[in-house]
Amino acid sequence: MAGSWALAPIITALLWNYLHLSPWIGIPLAMLAAVVAAVLIGYPRFRFRITGHYFALLTLALSAIVLQVITATRDITGGSLGYTPALQMGASRPTR
């Protein structure tokens, strides 16, 4: 569950920076993507009746996979340093 929740803010920021979509449009799209990810992961778990400790282990594994993917795509997501969205659409970073 935490893995799918981690997708929503990253997707919103990526849509803001790369596609120049307003967060008011990006947030519902990111929520939809998180729901799709949760369904894709959750359906097999319930279909095969995975319960108890194994259900918890699969939930933790999903969170670890999302963390590894975000860290591995450092050029796009900022990796372990975090992601910084642009201040304004179309504006460059302020210079000092």
C-alpha atoms as a PDB file:
ATOM      1  CA  MET A   1       0.000   0.000   0.000  1.00  0.00           C
ATOM      2  CA  ALA A   2       2.797   2.413   0.832  1.00  0.00           C
ATOM      3  CA  GLY A   3       4.402   1.642  -2.528  1.00  0.00           C
ATOM      4  CA  SER A   4       1.351   2.786  -4.446  1.00  0.00           C
ATOM      5  CA  TRP A   5       1.029   5.863  -2.224  1.00  0.00           C
ATOM      6  CA  ALA A   6       4.629   6.803  -2.986  1.00  0.00           C
ATOM      7  CA  LEU A   7       3.837   6.891  -6.696  1.00  0.00           C
ATOM      8  CA  ALA A   8       1.256   9.681  -6.518  1.00  0.00           C
ATOM      9  CA  PRO A   9       3.454  12.644  -5.451  1.00  0.00           C
ATOM     10  CA  ILE A  10       6.284  11.625  -7.776  1.00  0.00           C
ATOM     11  CA  ILE A  11       3.942  11.292 -10.750  1.00  0.00           C
ATOM     12  CA  THR A  12       2.392  14.686  -9.960  1.00  0.00           C
ATOM     13  CA  ALA A  13       5.815  16.367  -9.877  1.00  0.00           C
ATOM     14  CA  LEU A  14       6.972  14.591 -13.051  1.00  0.00           C
ATOM     15  CA  LEU A  15       3.825  15.675 -14.903  1.00  0.00           C
ATOM     16  CA  TRP A  16       4.429  19.243 -13.696  1.00  0.00           C
ATOM     17  CA  ASN A  17       8.071  19.381 -14.843  1.00  0.00           C
ATOM     18  CA  TYR A  18       8.048  17.356 -18.046  1.00  0.00           C
ATOM     19  CA  LEU A  19       4.532  17.727 -19.471  1.00  0.00           C
ATOM     20  CA  HIS A  20       3.766  21.124 -17.871  1.00  0.00           C
ATOM     21  CA  LEU A  21       0.447  19.893 -16.493  1.00  0.00           C
ATOM     22  CA  SER A  22      -1.076  21.827 -13.625  1.00  0.00           C
ATOM     23  CA  PRO A  23      -1.088  19.968 -10.296  1.00  0.00           C
ATOM     24  CA  TRP A  24      -4.881  20.249 -10.379  1.00  0.00           C
ATOM     25  CA  ILE A  25      -4.784  17.928 -13.388  1.00  0.00           C
ATOM     26  CA  GLY A  26      -1.738  15.943 -12.259  1.00  0.00           C
ATOM     27  CA  ILE A  27      -3.102  14.984  -8.836  1.00  0.00           C
ATOM     28  CA  PRO A  28      -6.160  13.094 -10.164  1.00  0.00           C
ATOM     29  CA  LEU A  29      -3.987  11.420 -12.821  1.00  0.00           C
ATOM     30  CA  ALA A  30      -1.461  10.405 -10.172  1.00  0.00           C
ATOM     31  CA  MET A  31      -4.239   9.087  -7.932  1.00  0.00           C
ATOM     32  CA  LEU A  32      -5.539   7.040 -10.842  1.00  0.00           C
ATOM     33  CA  ALA A  33      -2.044   5.650 -11.483  1.00  0.00           C
ATOM     34  CA  ALA A  34      -1.688   4.721  -7.793  1.00  0.00           C
ATOM     35  CA  VAL A  35      -5.058   2.943  -7.873  1.00  0.00           C
ATOM     36  CA  VAL A  36      -4.055   1.039 -11.022  1.00  0.00           C
ATOM     37  CA  ALA A  37      -0.771  -0.011  -9.392  1.00  0.00           C
ATOM     38  CA  ALA A  38      -2.590  -1.110  -6.228  1.00  0.00           C
ATOM     39  CA  VAL A  39      -5.105  -3.143  -8.235  1.00  0.00           C
ATOM     40  CA  LEU A  40      -2.376  -4.783 -10.318  1.00  0.00           C
ATOM     41  CA  ILE A  41      -0.561  -5.831  -7.172  1.00  0.00           C
ATOM     42  CA  GLY A  42      -3.596  -6.486  -4.982  1.00  0.00           C
ATOM     43  CA  TYR A  43      -5.699  -8.587  -7.337  1.00  0.00           C
ATOM     44  CA  PRO A  44      -3.283 -11.545  -7.498  1.00  0.00           C
ATOM     45  CA  ARG A  45      -2.863 -11.419  -3.718  1.00  0.00           C
ATOM     46  CA  PHE A  46      -6.583 -11.792  -3.135  1.00  0.00           C
ATOM     47  CA  ARG A  47      -7.064 -14.164  -6.067  1.00  0.00           C
ATOM     48  CA  PHE A  48      -4.521 -16.627  -4.645  1.00  0.00           C
ATOM     49  CA  ARG A  49      -5.807 -15.996  -1.096  1.00  0.00           C
ATOM     50  CA  ILE A  50      -2.498 -14.878   0.311  1.00  0.00           C
ATOM     51  CA  THR A  51      -3.023 -13.996   3.962  1.00  0.00           C
ATOM     52  CA  GLY A  52      -1.138 -13.464   7.173  1.00  0.00           C
ATOM     53  CA  HIS A  53       2.610 -13.064   7.164  1.00  0.00           C
ATOM     54  CA  TYR A  54       2.925 -13.575   3.416  1.00  0.00           C
ATOM     55  CA  PHE A  55       0.500 -10.726   2.737  1.00  0.00           C
ATOM     56  CA  ALA A  56       2.610  -8.436   4.926  1.00  0.00           C
ATOM     57  CA  LEU A  57       5.811  -9.581   3.210  1.00  0.00           C
ATOM     58  CA  LEU A  58       4.371  -8.844  -0.232  1.00  0.00           C
ATOM     59  CA  THR A  59       3.305  -5.388   0.931  1.00  0.00           C
ATOM     60  CA  LEU A  60       6.812  -4.664   2.203  1.00  0.00           C
ATOM     61  CA  ALA A  61       8.302  -6.040  -1.012  1.00  0.00           C
ATOM     62  CA  LEU A  62       6.199  -3.656  -3.116  1.00  0.00           C
ATOM     63  CA  SER A  63       7.437  -0.706  -1.062  1.00  0.00           C
ATOM     64  CA  ALA A  64      11.042  -1.865  -1.487  1.00  0.00           C
ATOM     65  CA  ILE A  65      10.578  -2.284  -5.256  1.00  0.00           C
ATOM     66  CA  VAL A  66       9.134   1.222  -5.624  1.00  0.00           C
ATOM     67  CA  LEU A  67      12.008   2.629  -3.557  1.00  0.00           C
ATOM     68  CA  GLN A  68      14.591   0.830  -5.718  1.00  0.00           C
ATOM     69  CA  VAL A  69      12.983   2.014  -8.968  1.00  0.00           C
ATOM     70  CA  ILE A  70      12.858   5.623  -7.752  1.00  0.00           C
ATOM     71  CA  THR A  71      16.483   5.434  -6.599  1.00  0.00           C
ATOM     72  CA  ALA A  72      17.667   3.737  -9.799  1.00  0.00           C
ATOM     73  CA  THR A  73      16.082   6.354 -12.067  1.00  0.00           C
ATOM     74  CA  ARG A  74      18.146   9.135 -10.538  1.00  0.00           C
ATOM     75  CA  ASP A  75      18.241  11.259 -13.701  1.00  0.00           C
ATOM     76  CA  ILE A  76      14.444  11.485 -13.809  1.00  0.00           C
ATOM     77  CA  THR A  77      13.324  11.285 -10.170  1.00  0.00           C
ATOM     78  CA  GLY A  78      16.316  12.727  -8.326  1.00  0.00           C
ATOM     79  CA  GLY A  79      17.078   9.351  -6.742  1.00  0.00           C
ATOM     80  CA  SER A  80      17.818   9.289  -3.036  1.00  0.00           C
ATOM     81  CA  LEU A  81      18.324  13.066  -2.961  1.00  0.00           C
ATOM     82  CA  GLY A  82      14.664  13.691  -3.718  1.00  0.00           C
ATOM     83  CA  TYR A  83      12.881  15.473  -6.517  1.00  0.00           C
ATOM     84  CA  THR A  84      12.613  19.220  -6.870  1.00  0.00           C
ATOM     85  CA  PRO A  85       9.804  20.470  -9.092  1.00  0.00           C
ATOM     86  CA  ALA A  86      10.219  23.684 -11.066  1.00  0.00           C
ATOM     87  CA  LEU A  87       9.053  26.825  -9.277  1.00  0.00           C
ATOM     88  CA  GLN A  88       6.854  28.025 -12.142  1.00  0.00           C
ATOM     89  CA  MET A  89       5.911  26.523 -15.459  1.00  0.00           C
ATOM     90  CA  GLY A  90       8.195  27.803 -18.174  1.00  0.00           C
ATOM     91  CA  ALA A  91      10.508  29.576 -15.725  1.00  0.00           C
ATOM     92  CA  SER A  92      14.138  28.632 -15.332  1.00  0.00           C
ATOM     93  CA  ARG A  93      15.863  28.183 -12.001  1.00  0.00           C
ATOM     94  CA  PRO A  94      16.789  31.423 -10.255  1.00  0.00           C
ATOM     95  CA  THR A  95      20.429  32.421 -10.559  1.00  0.00           C
ATOM     96  CA  ARG A  96      22.478  34.032  -7.824  1.00  0.00           C
END
